[in-house]
Amino acid sequence: MESDAQPTGPVLSSGRVTLRPFRAEDASRVAVSCKDPEIPKFTMMPDRLTEQQALAWIERRNQLQERGLFALARTATDTARIPERRGQP
């Protein structure tokens, strides 16, 4: 999935976990996450989000950073792994 959106913004890291702006390559994980019924229930994300819709959402979020509105992805470093919900790898 290709995108011209280049994220800019804060990157915060504790050494184990990093918060960073979403990237185009995160679209598939965003779409998969929105299949979890808890995500749309407690966020403004729609359920059954397609990968293309997720990419459009990421691009909009990155554009909004210019106005000080941030959406950050949580990522694990090479030495740590973020546990998945409900025991999924």
C-alpha atoms as a PDB file:
ATOM      1  CA  MET A   1       0.000   0.000   0.000  1.00  0.00           C
ATOM      2  CA  GLU A   2       1.596   3.263  -1.148  1.00  0.00           C
ATOM      3  CA  SER A   3       1.031   6.722   0.271  1.00  0.00           C
ATOM      4  CA  ASP A   4       2.572  10.133  -0.167  1.00  0.00           C
ATOM      5  CA  ALA A   5       1.882  11.000   3.475  1.00  0.00           C
ATOM      6  CA  GLN A   6       5.138  11.321   5.369  1.00  0.00           C
ATOM      7  CA  PRO A   7       4.440  11.464   9.093  1.00  0.00           C
ATOM      8  CA  THR A   8       6.120  14.123  11.133  1.00  0.00           C
ATOM      9  CA  GLY A   9       5.698  14.821  14.778  1.00  0.00           C
ATOM     10  CA  PRO A  10       6.838  13.640  18.164  1.00  0.00           C
ATOM     11  CA  VAL A  11       8.443  10.286  18.778  1.00  0.00           C
ATOM     12  CA  LEU A  12       8.452   9.277  22.422  1.00  0.00           C
ATOM     13  CA  SER A  13      10.381   6.244  23.584  1.00  0.00           C
ATOM     14  CA  SER A  14      10.995   4.594  26.935  1.00  0.00           C
ATOM     15  CA  GLY A  15      13.419   2.073  25.505  1.00  0.00           C
ATOM     16  CA  ARG A  16      10.767  -0.672  25.604  1.00  0.00           C
ATOM     17  CA  VAL A  17       7.840   1.024  23.910  1.00  0.00           C
ATOM     18  CA  THR A  18       7.776   3.815  21.345  1.00  0.00           C
ATOM     19  CA  LEU A  19       4.915   6.181  20.496  1.00  0.00           C
ATOM     20  CA  ARG A  20       5.215   7.596  16.989  1.00  0.00           C
ATOM     21  CA  PRO A  21       2.999   9.050  14.272  1.00  0.00           C
ATOM     22  CA  PHE A  22       1.118   6.471  12.226  1.00  0.00           C
ATOM     23  CA  ARG A  23       2.701   5.449   8.920  1.00  0.00           C
ATOM     24  CA  ALA A  24       1.109   4.163   5.714  1.00  0.00           C
ATOM     25  CA  GLU A  25       2.383   0.673   6.483  1.00  0.00           C
ATOM     26  CA  ASP A  26       0.285   0.704   9.697  1.00  0.00           C
ATOM     27  CA  ALA A  27      -2.972   0.698   7.677  1.00  0.00           C
ATOM     28  CA  SER A  28      -3.418  -3.076   7.677  1.00  0.00           C
ATOM     29  CA  ARG A  29      -2.996  -3.286  11.479  1.00  0.00           C
ATOM     30  CA  VAL A  30      -5.397  -0.371  11.993  1.00  0.00           C
ATOM     31  CA  ALA A  31      -7.992  -2.150   9.828  1.00  0.00           C
ATOM     32  CA  VAL A  32      -7.515  -5.424  11.710  1.00  0.00           C
ATOM     33  CA  SER A  33      -7.773  -3.620  15.058  1.00  0.00           C
ATOM     34  CA  CYS A  34     -11.134  -2.143  14.060  1.00  0.00           C
ATOM     35  CA  LYS A  35     -12.521  -5.679  13.745  1.00  0.00           C
ATOM     36  CA  ASP A  36     -12.220  -5.928  17.543  1.00  0.00           C
ATOM     37  CA  PRO A  37     -15.715  -4.923  18.760  1.00  0.00           C
ATOM     38  CA  GLU A  38     -14.195  -3.036  21.699  1.00  0.00           C
ATOM     39  CA  ILE A  39     -12.294  -0.577  19.468  1.00  0.00           C
ATOM     40  CA  PRO A  40     -15.320   1.069  17.789  1.00  0.00           C
ATOM     41  CA  LYS A  41     -17.253   0.855  21.056  1.00  0.00           C
ATOM     42  CA  PHE A  42     -14.761   3.027  22.960  1.00  0.00           C
ATOM     43  CA  THR A  43     -13.212   5.105  20.172  1.00  0.00           C
ATOM     44  CA  MET A  44     -14.394   7.098  17.197  1.00  0.00           C
ATOM     45  CA  MET A  45     -13.067   4.455  14.775  1.00  0.00           C
ATOM     46  CA  PRO A  46     -15.701   2.738  12.625  1.00  0.00           C
ATOM     47  CA  ASP A  47     -16.043  -1.021  12.699  1.00  0.00           C
ATOM     48  CA  ARG A  48     -15.165  -3.023   9.591  1.00  0.00           C
ATOM     49  CA  LEU A  49     -12.701  -0.398   8.445  1.00  0.00           C
ATOM     50  CA  THR A  50     -11.004  -1.460   5.211  1.00  0.00           C
ATOM     51  CA  GLU A  51      -7.267  -1.128   4.708  1.00  0.00           C
ATOM     52  CA  GLN A  52      -7.866   1.656   2.164  1.00  0.00           C
ATOM     53  CA  GLN A  53     -10.088   3.518   4.656  1.00  0.00           C
ATOM     54  CA  ALA A  54      -7.447   3.037   7.336  1.00  0.00           C
ATOM     55  CA  LEU A  55      -4.812   4.534   5.040  1.00  0.00           C
ATOM     56  CA  ALA A  56      -7.072   7.545   4.391  1.00  0.00           C
ATOM     57  CA  TRP A  57      -7.558   7.926   8.173  1.00  0.00           C
ATOM     58  CA  ILE A  58      -3.781   7.826   8.730  1.00  0.00           C
ATOM     59  CA  GLU A  59      -3.219  10.446   6.045  1.00  0.00           C
ATOM     60  CA  ARG A  60      -5.867  12.738   7.602  1.00  0.00           C
ATOM     61  CA  ARG A  61      -4.355  12.298  11.088  1.00  0.00           C
ATOM     62  CA  ASN A  62      -0.898  13.163   9.783  1.00  0.00           C
ATOM     63  CA  GLN A  63      -2.275  16.300   8.102  1.00  0.00           C
ATOM     64  CA  LEU A  64      -3.961  17.357  11.353  1.00  0.00           C
ATOM     65  CA  GLN A  65      -0.606  17.307  13.156  1.00  0.00           C
ATOM     66  CA  GLU A  66       0.074  20.714  11.642  1.00  0.00           C
ATOM     67  CA  ARG A  67      -2.748  21.991  13.869  1.00  0.00           C
ATOM     68  CA  GLY A  68      -1.419  20.205  16.938  1.00  0.00           C
ATOM     69  CA  LEU A  69      -3.729  17.167  16.838  1.00  0.00           C
ATOM     70  CA  PHE A  70      -1.755  13.943  17.161  1.00  0.00           C
ATOM     71  CA  ALA A  71      -2.521  10.274  16.725  1.00  0.00           C
ATOM     72  CA  LEU A  72       0.327   8.069  17.854  1.00  0.00           C
ATOM     73  CA  ALA A  73       1.013   4.392  17.189  1.00  0.00           C
ATOM     74  CA  ARG A  74       2.412   2.257  19.994  1.00  0.00           C
ATOM     75  CA  THR A  75       5.246   0.070  18.785  1.00  0.00           C
ATOM     76  CA  ALA A  76       7.618  -2.353  20.453  1.00  0.00           C
ATOM     77  CA  THR A  77      11.362  -1.969  20.149  1.00  0.00           C
ATOM     78  CA  ASP A  78      13.572  -4.805  18.969  1.00  0.00           C
ATOM     79  CA  THR A  79      13.946  -6.045  22.552  1.00  0.00           C
ATOM     80  CA  ALA A  80      10.296  -5.870  23.614  1.00  0.00           C
ATOM     81  CA  ARG A  81       7.055  -7.220  22.229  1.00  0.00           C
ATOM     82  CA  ILE A  82       3.677  -5.639  22.718  1.00  0.00           C
ATOM     83  CA  PRO A  83       1.237  -8.343  23.853  1.00  0.00           C
ATOM     84  CA  GLU A  84      -1.740  -8.763  21.545  1.00  0.00           C
ATOM     85  CA  ARG A  85      -5.296  -8.765  22.835  1.00  0.00           C
ATOM     86  CA  ARG A  86      -6.985 -12.075  23.574  1.00  0.00           C
ATOM     87  CA  GLY A  87      -3.820 -14.121  23.207  1.00  0.00           C
ATOM     88  CA  GLN A  88      -3.349 -13.478  19.484  1.00  0.00           C
ATOM     89  CA  PRO A  89       0.244 -13.291  18.177  1.00  0.00           C
END
